[in-house]
Amino acid sequence: MTAATEKIGSWAAEFAGQTKTAPWLQKLRDAAFERFSELGFPTTHDEEWRFTNVAPIARATFRAGAAHTTLRVPQGVEQLPPEAAVSELAKIASFASNAFVALNTAFVEHQVPATILRVPRGAVIAEPIEIICDVAEDVAREAEQSGVLLAVQPRTLIMVGENAQCTVIETYKGKGRYFTNAVTEFLVGEGAVVDHYKVQQESAEAYHVATLQAQLGRSANFSSHSIALGGALVRNDANAVLSEGTEATLNGLYIVNGTQHIDNHTIIDHAKPNANSHEMYKGILDGQAHAVFNGRIMVRKDAQKTDSKQTNKNLVLSDEAVIDTKPELQILADDVRCTHGATIGQLDAEALFYLQSRGIGKADARNLLTYAFAQDIVDRVKVQSLKDSLEKILFEKFHEHAHQ
């Protein structure tokens, strides 16, 4: 038995312990767990996981449990039971090649009910849809004291009708040592506008793996902003498949220090012509932290007139921090405009000197410049309450660090 699959035994017991469910859902669970068993957990020999070692997750024994989930659904948005989404659930985020998606799908509606929402055709939802997944410290500690780790596997499907508009905010947080394995699927109709935010504030001991998969209709406008601040070991996959005339934006900010590890993988798939995509990921690394960015832009043979731009910028504040960045272009069409770039740098010495010459202490000057680097992504947040909250979190984070 390989290292990758040696711990499937404990998951097999968890899987077998589930209560039987509706035949269609049981069939889906069975297929997903079979695929998880075949794939096993990825290792660093897998190209997609070359810089991220998930051995701490693969080796641990987990118990399926539930986080405290708060769901704020504005008027006009429908919350549906799983049987109302038989043809959509688990069809967008495939578990064929992703072991973590397979594992999540194998436990759909077990301990953690799936969140299935529908925004009707033409509806304009002014208030944000908010989904908060919060792991309580006492629940995580209780599991750990019994020799296992708590595993929560939130599943979200959001179906947005033609010409509808909505904003979605996902927040993940908690205390203690636990594992969050989340899957979020978006099915966005023709001409719809969706603004999505994911804020990851897991505890410093937590493992967090998440997949976002968006299937975008003709002339849809979809933007997703990932803010990653917590977690000991974090992997974010953010993927979008574009149709003709689609506008898609993937932005991210990751801030890591100590021994944190974060891996951001993105795929923007230009499947049809005349679509635009924009991507800006920025990272701030300190201590002995390790960050990974792998951004892939795929332009298929028929996707002429594609316009795509991808940028990854990293600010490295210590000699021990490491960033592995790998922007990729796969272009099969000939009439396209695609650019990508990555930068890794330190704080500008001249800017530091200038601030210090104006009477600002070195720690505060460093703090100000770091904050300004992050501000670029925060400024793209359109929800004022979320923007204010993020600015406060970042200010406290950098201020506290500057005065340690």
Protein backbone atom coordinates (compact mmCIF):
# COMPACT_ATOMS: atom_id res chain seq x y z
CA MET A 1 0.00 0.00 0.00
CA THR A 2 1.42 3.38 -0.96
CA ALA A 3 1.86 6.35 1.35
CA ALA A 4 -0.79 8.15 -0.66
CA THR A 5 -3.49 5.61 0.08
CA GLU A 6 -2.48 4.17 3.44
CA LYS A 7 -5.05 6.22 5.35
CA ILE A 8 -8.06 5.53 3.18
CA GLY A 9 -8.90 2.79 5.69
CA SER A 10 -9.99 5.32 8.33
CA TRP A 11 -12.05 7.22 5.75
CA ALA A 12 -13.60 3.92 4.65
CA ALA A 13 -14.92 3.42 8.17
CA GLU A 14 -16.33 6.95 8.21
CA PHE A 15 -17.92 6.42 4.82
CA ALA A 16 -19.46 3.11 5.84
CA GLY A 17 -20.89 4.76 8.95
CA GLN A 18 -23.03 7.23 7.01
CA THR A 19 -26.79 6.93 7.15
CA LYS A 20 -28.19 5.70 3.84
CA THR A 21 -29.83 8.40 1.80
CA ALA A 22 -31.92 8.82 -1.36
CA PRO A 23 -30.85 6.39 -4.12
CA TRP A 24 -29.60 9.13 -6.49
CA LEU A 25 -27.50 10.73 -3.74
CA GLN A 26 -26.20 7.39 -2.47
CA LYS A 27 -25.14 6.50 -6.01
CA LEU A 28 -23.24 9.81 -6.21
CA ARG A 29 -21.57 9.23 -2.84
CA ASP A 30 -20.57 5.68 -3.78
CA ALA A 31 -19.05 6.77 -7.10
CA ALA A 32 -17.16 9.59 -5.42
CA PHE A 33 -15.73 7.40 -2.67
CA GLU A 34 -14.72 4.76 -5.19
CA ARG A 35 -12.85 7.44 -7.13
CA PHE A 36 -11.25 8.77 -3.94
CA SER A 37 -10.07 5.26 -3.14
CA GLU A 38 -8.52 4.94 -6.61
CA LEU A 39 -6.80 8.33 -6.53
CA GLY A 40 -5.58 8.38 -2.96
CA PHE A 41 -4.23 11.59 -1.51
CA PRO A 42 -1.87 13.41 -3.88
CA THR A 43 1.86 13.42 -3.25
CA THR A 44 4.68 15.72 -4.31
CA HIS A 45 5.27 13.35 -7.23
CA ASP A 46 2.06 14.72 -8.76
CA GLU A 47 2.87 17.79 -10.85
CA GLU A 48 -0.16 19.70 -9.55
CA TRP A 49 1.03 19.13 -5.97
CA ARG A 50 4.77 19.35 -6.49
CA PHE A 51 5.32 22.10 -3.93
CA THR A 52 2.62 21.08 -1.43
CA ASN A 53 3.03 18.06 0.81
CA VAL A 54 -0.34 16.95 2.20
CA ALA A 55 1.19 14.11 4.24
CA PRO A 56 -0.09 15.69 7.52
CA ILE A 57 -3.62 15.31 6.15
CA ALA A 58 -3.04 11.88 4.59
CA ARG A 59 -1.54 10.48 7.81
CA ALA A 60 -4.16 11.80 10.22
CA THR A 61 -7.27 9.93 11.33
CA PHE A 62 -10.35 12.11 10.96
CA ARG A 63 -13.89 12.05 12.22
CA ALA A 64 -16.56 13.64 10.07
CA GLY A 65 -18.25 16.46 11.92
CA ALA A 66 -19.98 19.77 11.49
CA ALA A 67 -18.97 23.39 11.73
CA HIS A 68 -21.40 26.02 12.89
CA THR A 69 -22.77 27.32 9.59
CA THR A 70 -24.51 30.67 9.40
CA LEU A 71 -26.44 31.26 6.19
CA ARG A 72 -27.76 34.73 5.36
CA VAL A 73 -30.06 34.51 2.39
CA PRO A 74 -31.53 37.81 1.16
CA GLN A 75 -35.10 38.11 -0.03
CA GLY A 76 -35.49 36.85 -3.59
CA VAL A 77 -32.95 34.02 -3.27
CA GLU A 78 -34.33 30.49 -3.06
CA GLN A 79 -32.80 27.86 -0.78
CA LEU A 80 -33.37 24.40 -2.26
CA PRO A 81 -33.21 20.83 -0.95
CA PRO A 82 -30.71 18.47 -2.65
CA GLU A 83 -33.43 16.67 -4.60
CA ALA A 84 -34.20 19.93 -6.40
CA ALA A 85 -30.67 20.01 -7.83
CA VAL A 86 -30.18 16.40 -8.93
CA SER A 87 -28.97 17.40 -12.39
CA GLU A 88 -26.60 20.14 -11.17
CA LEU A 89 -25.04 19.02 -7.89
CA ALA A 90 -21.49 17.65 -8.34
CA LYS A 91 -21.65 18.15 -12.11
CA ILE A 92 -19.59 21.37 -12.20
CA ALA A 93 -16.73 20.45 -9.86
CA SER A 94 -15.60 17.09 -11.18
CA PHE A 95 -14.14 14.51 -8.81
CA ALA A 96 -12.53 12.54 -11.64
CA SER A 97 -9.02 13.86 -10.96
CA ASN A 98 -9.26 15.68 -7.63
CA ALA A 99 -9.13 13.47 -4.54
CA PHE A 100 -10.32 16.23 -2.20
CA VAL A 101 -13.38 16.98 -4.35
CA ALA A 102 -14.07 13.23 -4.46
CA LEU A 103 -13.80 12.99 -0.68
CA ASN A 104 -16.12 15.96 -0.19
CA THR A 105 -18.65 14.54 -2.62
CA ALA A 106 -18.57 11.17 -0.86
CA PHE A 107 -19.89 12.90 2.27
CA VAL A 108 -22.45 15.26 0.72
CA GLU A 109 -25.36 15.79 3.13
CA HIS A 110 -23.58 13.90 5.93
CA GLN A 111 -23.11 15.97 9.12
CA VAL A 112 -22.96 19.15 7.00
CA PRO A 113 -26.06 19.79 4.83
CA ALA A 114 -25.29 21.06 1.35
CA THR A 115 -26.09 24.72 0.75
CA ILE A 116 -28.04 24.94 -2.52
CA LEU A 117 -29.22 28.36 -3.62
CA ARG A 118 -30.94 29.65 -6.72
CA VAL A 119 -31.13 33.25 -7.87
CA PRO A 120 -34.10 33.47 -10.24
CA ARG A 121 -33.81 34.74 -13.78
CA GLY A 122 -33.62 38.54 -13.94
CA ALA A 123 -33.47 39.00 -10.15
CA VAL A 124 -31.21 41.77 -8.85
CA ILE A 125 -30.22 40.90 -5.28
CA ALA A 126 -28.88 44.00 -3.54
CA GLU A 127 -27.84 42.42 -0.23
CA PRO A 128 -24.97 39.89 -0.19
CA ILE A 129 -25.59 36.18 0.26
CA GLU A 130 -23.38 35.27 3.25
CA ILE A 131 -22.14 31.80 4.17
CA ILE A 132 -20.06 31.55 7.36
CA CYS A 133 -18.41 28.27 8.32
CA ASP A 134 -17.08 28.47 11.90
CA VAL A 135 -15.43 25.56 13.70
CA ALA A 136 -15.85 25.85 17.47
CA GLU A 137 -12.77 25.24 19.58
CA ASP A 138 -14.53 22.88 22.01
CA VAL A 139 -15.74 20.67 19.13
CA ALA A 140 -12.26 20.53 17.57
CA ARG A 141 -10.57 19.87 20.94
CA GLU A 142 -13.05 17.14 21.87
CA ALA A 143 -12.22 15.24 18.69
CA GLU A 144 -8.49 15.71 19.19
CA GLN A 145 -8.67 14.45 22.79
CA SER A 146 -10.28 11.25 21.53
CA GLY A 147 -7.33 10.68 19.19
CA VAL A 148 -8.83 11.92 15.93
CA LEU A 149 -9.18 15.22 14.11
CA LEU A 150 -12.43 16.88 13.19
CA ALA A 151 -13.13 17.06 9.44
CA VAL A 152 -15.80 19.42 8.11
CA GLN A 153 -16.74 19.28 4.43
CA PRO A 154 -19.02 22.15 3.38
CA ARG A 155 -20.66 21.84 -0.02
CA THR A 156 -22.20 24.82 -1.80
CA LEU A 157 -24.02 25.07 -5.13
CA ILE A 158 -25.20 28.46 -6.35
CA MET A 159 -27.27 28.64 -9.52
CA VAL A 160 -27.70 32.12 -10.96
CA GLY A 161 -30.38 32.61 -13.61
CA GLU A 162 -30.09 34.54 -16.85
CA ASN A 163 -29.50 38.28 -16.40
CA ALA A 164 -29.61 37.96 -12.60
CA GLN A 165 -27.19 39.81 -10.32
CA CYS A 166 -25.89 38.80 -6.90
CA THR A 167 -22.98 38.99 -4.46
CA VAL A 168 -21.75 35.98 -2.45
CA ILE A 169 -19.45 36.10 0.58
CA GLU A 170 -17.97 32.87 1.97
CA THR A 171 -16.09 33.02 5.28
CA TYR A 172 -14.15 30.15 6.84
CA LYS A 173 -12.84 30.45 10.39
CA GLY A 174 -12.37 28.46 13.56
CA LYS A 175 -10.27 27.62 16.59
CA GLY A 176 -8.22 24.55 17.36
CA ARG A 177 -6.82 21.86 15.07
CA TYR A 178 -9.17 20.55 12.38
CA PHE A 179 -9.57 20.01 8.64
CA THR A 180 -11.87 21.97 6.34
CA ASN A 181 -12.43 20.45 2.88
CA ALA A 182 -14.80 22.76 1.00
CA VAL A 183 -16.28 22.64 -2.51
CA THR A 184 -18.20 25.55 -4.03
CA GLU A 185 -19.90 25.31 -7.43
CA PHE A 186 -21.30 28.21 -9.45
CA LEU A 187 -23.60 27.77 -12.42
CA VAL A 188 -23.94 31.26 -13.91
CA GLY A 189 -26.54 31.89 -16.57
CA GLU A 190 -26.34 33.97 -19.72
CA GLY A 191 -25.83 37.67 -19.04
CA ALA A 192 -25.72 37.20 -15.25
CA VAL A 193 -23.40 39.22 -12.98
CA VAL A 194 -21.83 37.53 -9.93
CA ASP A 195 -19.38 39.05 -7.45
CA HIS A 196 -17.87 36.38 -5.14
CA TYR A 197 -15.62 36.76 -2.11
CA LYS A 198 -13.92 34.07 -0.08
CA VAL A 199 -12.32 35.04 3.24
CA GLN A 200 -10.22 32.30 4.84
CA GLN A 201 -9.39 33.01 8.49
CA GLU A 202 -8.82 29.48 9.76
CA SER A 203 -6.91 28.88 12.98
CA ALA A 204 -3.12 28.67 12.89
CA GLU A 205 -3.39 24.89 13.48
CA ALA A 206 -6.00 24.12 10.82
CA TYR A 207 -5.78 22.42 7.43
CA HIS A 208 -7.85 24.04 4.69
CA VAL A 209 -8.43 22.66 1.19
CA ALA A 210 -11.01 24.31 -1.05
CA THR A 211 -12.17 24.07 -4.65
CA LEU A 212 -14.14 26.78 -6.41
CA GLN A 213 -15.51 25.81 -9.83
CA ALA A 214 -17.53 28.24 -11.94
CA GLN A 215 -19.33 27.39 -15.17
CA LEU A 216 -20.10 30.69 -16.88
CA GLY A 217 -22.77 31.33 -19.47
CA ARG A 218 -22.63 33.51 -22.57
CA SER A 219 -21.88 37.19 -21.80
CA ALA A 220 -21.83 36.51 -18.05
CA ASN A 221 -19.64 38.62 -15.75
CA PHE A 222 -18.06 36.70 -12.89
CA SER A 223 -15.49 37.90 -10.38
CA SER A 224 -13.99 36.01 -7.44
CA HIS A 225 -11.73 37.45 -4.77
CA SER A 226 -9.83 35.11 -2.44
CA ILE A 227 -8.43 36.54 0.81
CA ALA A 228 -6.30 33.95 2.64
CA LEU A 229 -4.99 34.85 6.08
CA GLY A 230 -5.02 31.76 8.31
CA GLY A 231 -4.32 28.03 8.34
CA ALA A 232 -1.23 25.91 8.83
CA LEU A 233 -1.58 24.11 5.49
CA VAL A 234 -3.82 25.67 2.85
CA ARG A 235 -4.66 24.78 -0.75
CA ASN A 236 -7.07 26.86 -2.84
CA ASP A 237 -8.17 25.77 -6.31
CA ALA A 238 -10.14 28.44 -8.20
CA ASN A 239 -11.32 27.50 -11.69
CA ALA A 240 -13.63 29.08 -14.24
CA VAL A 241 -14.86 27.88 -17.64
CA LEU A 242 -15.81 30.80 -19.90
CA SER A 243 -18.36 30.99 -22.70
CA GLU A 244 -18.60 33.42 -25.61
CA GLY A 245 -18.42 37.05 -24.51
CA THR A 246 -17.78 36.13 -20.87
CA GLU A 247 -15.88 38.50 -18.56
CA ALA A 248 -14.10 36.72 -15.69
CA THR A 249 -11.86 38.02 -12.91
CA LEU A 250 -9.91 35.99 -10.36
CA ASN A 251 -8.11 38.04 -7.69
CA GLY A 252 -6.33 36.90 -4.57
CA LEU A 253 -4.40 38.09 -1.54
CA TYR A 254 -2.47 35.68 0.67
CA ILE A 255 -0.58 36.70 3.80
CA VAL A 256 1.52 34.06 5.56
CA ASN A 257 4.16 34.02 8.28
CA GLY A 258 5.66 31.63 10.81
CA THR A 259 5.63 28.17 9.23
CA GLN A 260 2.38 28.60 7.27
CA HIS A 261 2.08 27.02 3.84
CA ILE A 262 -0.39 28.20 1.21
CA ASP A 263 -0.89 26.99 -2.35
CA ASN A 264 -3.11 28.86 -4.83
CA HIS A 265 -3.91 27.05 -8.08
CA THR A 266 -6.10 28.72 -10.69
CA ILE A 267 -7.37 27.65 -14.10
CA ILE A 268 -9.14 30.04 -16.45
CA ASP A 269 -10.49 28.00 -19.35
CA HIS A 270 -11.36 30.06 -22.44
CA ALA A 271 -13.64 27.54 -24.11
CA LYS A 272 -15.37 29.98 -26.50
CA PRO A 273 -14.38 33.10 -28.48
CA ASN A 274 -14.54 36.80 -27.54
CA ALA A 275 -14.04 36.35 -23.80
CA ASN A 276 -11.89 38.40 -21.44
CA SER A 277 -10.20 37.35 -18.22
CA HIS A 278 -8.18 39.20 -15.63
CA GLU A 279 -6.18 37.76 -12.77
CA MET A 280 -4.21 39.48 -10.01
CA TYR A 281 -2.82 37.51 -7.08
CA LYS A 282 -0.62 39.19 -4.48
CA GLY A 283 1.27 37.51 -1.66
CA ILE A 284 3.04 38.72 1.48
CA LEU A 285 5.44 36.24 3.10
CA ASP A 286 7.34 36.48 6.37
CA GLY A 287 9.07 34.16 8.80
CA GLN A 288 9.63 30.68 7.36
CA ALA A 289 6.40 30.71 5.38
CA HIS A 290 6.04 28.99 2.00
CA ALA A 291 3.63 30.10 -0.69
CA VAL A 292 2.81 28.62 -4.09
CA PHE A 293 1.05 30.24 -7.01
CA ASN A 294 0.22 28.25 -10.12
CA GLY A 295 -2.01 30.08 -12.57
CA ARG A 296 -3.00 28.45 -15.84
CA ILE A 297 -4.76 30.18 -18.72
CA MET A 298 -6.14 27.78 -21.32
CA VAL A 299 -7.27 29.10 -24.69
CA ARG A 300 -8.99 26.41 -26.72
CA LYS A 301 -8.81 26.07 -30.49
CA ASP A 302 -12.10 27.86 -31.19
CA ALA A 303 -11.60 30.61 -28.59
CA GLN A 304 -10.47 33.33 -31.00
CA LYS A 305 -10.40 37.00 -29.90
CA THR A 306 -9.49 35.97 -26.36
CA ASP A 307 -8.01 38.71 -24.18
CA SER A 308 -6.41 37.46 -20.97
CA LYS A 309 -4.02 38.97 -18.45
CA GLN A 310 -2.52 37.27 -15.42
CA THR A 311 -0.23 38.81 -12.78
CA ASN A 312 1.31 37.40 -9.60
CA LYS A 313 3.23 39.75 -7.30
CA ASN A 314 4.97 38.68 -4.11
CA LEU A 315 6.50 40.66 -1.27
CA VAL A 316 9.03 38.62 0.70
CA LEU A 317 9.86 40.11 4.09
CA SER A 318 12.36 37.57 5.42
CA ASP A 319 15.33 35.55 4.19
CA GLU A 320 13.67 32.25 5.18
CA ALA A 321 10.36 32.71 3.37
CA VAL A 322 9.94 30.87 0.04
CA ILE A 323 7.64 31.50 -2.93
CA ASP A 324 7.21 29.15 -5.89
CA THR A 325 5.34 30.88 -8.70
CA LYS A 326 4.41 29.31 -12.01
CA PRO A 327 2.25 31.27 -14.45
CA GLU A 328 1.20 29.18 -17.45
CA LEU A 329 -0.32 29.85 -20.85
CA GLN A 330 -1.74 27.07 -23.02
CA ILE A 331 -2.86 28.66 -26.27
CA LEU A 332 -4.38 26.64 -29.12
CA ALA A 333 -5.99 29.59 -30.96
CA ASP A 334 -4.05 32.11 -33.06
CA ASP A 335 -5.99 35.39 -32.79
CA VAL A 336 -5.52 36.11 -29.09
CA ARG A 337 -3.94 38.59 -26.71
CA CYS A 338 -2.58 36.91 -23.59
CA THR A 339 0.01 38.12 -21.09
CA HIS A 340 1.29 36.79 -17.81
CA GLY A 341 3.96 37.79 -15.36
CA ALA A 342 5.29 37.15 -11.88
CA THR A 343 7.42 39.30 -9.58
CA ILE A 344 9.16 38.56 -6.30
CA GLY A 345 10.63 41.44 -4.35
CA GLN A 346 11.38 43.00 -1.01
CA LEU A 347 10.33 46.32 0.46
CA ASP A 348 11.68 49.31 -1.46
CA ALA A 349 14.77 50.52 0.43
CA GLU A 350 14.35 54.06 -0.88
CA ALA A 351 10.73 54.21 0.22
CA LEU A 352 11.71 52.90 3.67
CA PHE A 353 14.45 55.52 3.92
CA TYR A 354 12.07 58.26 2.82
CA LEU A 355 9.48 57.38 5.46
CA GLN A 356 12.15 57.12 8.16
CA SER A 357 13.57 60.50 7.13
CA ARG A 358 10.11 61.93 7.85
CA GLY A 359 10.27 60.71 11.44
CA ILE A 360 8.46 57.38 11.01
CA GLY A 361 10.07 54.50 12.89
CA LYS A 362 11.48 51.59 10.89
CA ALA A 363 8.83 49.11 12.10
CA ASP A 364 6.00 51.52 11.29
CA ALA A 365 7.52 52.38 7.91
CA ARG A 366 7.77 48.68 7.07
CA ASN A 367 4.18 48.23 8.22
CA LEU A 368 2.91 51.11 6.05
CA LEU A 369 4.57 49.84 2.89
CA THR A 370 3.35 46.27 3.46
CA TYR A 371 -0.18 47.53 4.06
CA ALA A 372 -0.03 49.59 0.85
CA PHE A 373 1.00 46.48 -1.12
CA ALA A 374 -2.06 44.58 0.18
CA GLN A 375 -4.40 47.56 -0.20
CA ASP A 376 -4.45 47.15 -3.99
CA ILE A 377 -6.48 43.94 -3.68
CA VAL A 378 -8.68 45.20 -0.83
CA ASP A 379 -9.60 48.25 -2.91
CA ARG A 380 -11.20 45.89 -5.44
CA VAL A 381 -13.74 44.72 -2.87
CA LYS A 382 -17.11 46.25 -3.74
CA VAL A 383 -18.97 45.38 -0.52
CA GLN A 384 -18.21 48.28 1.81
CA SER A 385 -18.81 46.38 5.06
CA LEU A 386 -16.46 43.59 3.95
CA LYS A 387 -13.88 46.10 2.74
CA ASP A 388 -13.96 47.91 6.10
CA SER A 389 -13.61 44.61 7.95
CA LEU A 390 -10.64 43.51 5.83
CA GLU A 391 -8.90 46.88 6.25
CA LYS A 392 -9.26 46.56 10.03
CA ILE A 393 -7.95 42.97 10.02
CA LEU A 394 -4.94 43.89 7.87
CA PHE A 395 -4.12 47.00 9.87
CA GLU A 396 -4.15 45.04 13.12
CA LYS A 397 -2.17 42.20 11.56
CA PHE A 398 0.62 44.43 10.25
CA HIS A 399 0.58 46.77 13.25
CA GLU A 400 0.92 43.87 15.69
CA HIS A 401 3.72 42.32 13.62
CA ALA A 402 5.58 45.63 13.32
CA HIS A 403 5.73 46.02 17.09
CA GLN A 404 6.67 42.48 18.04
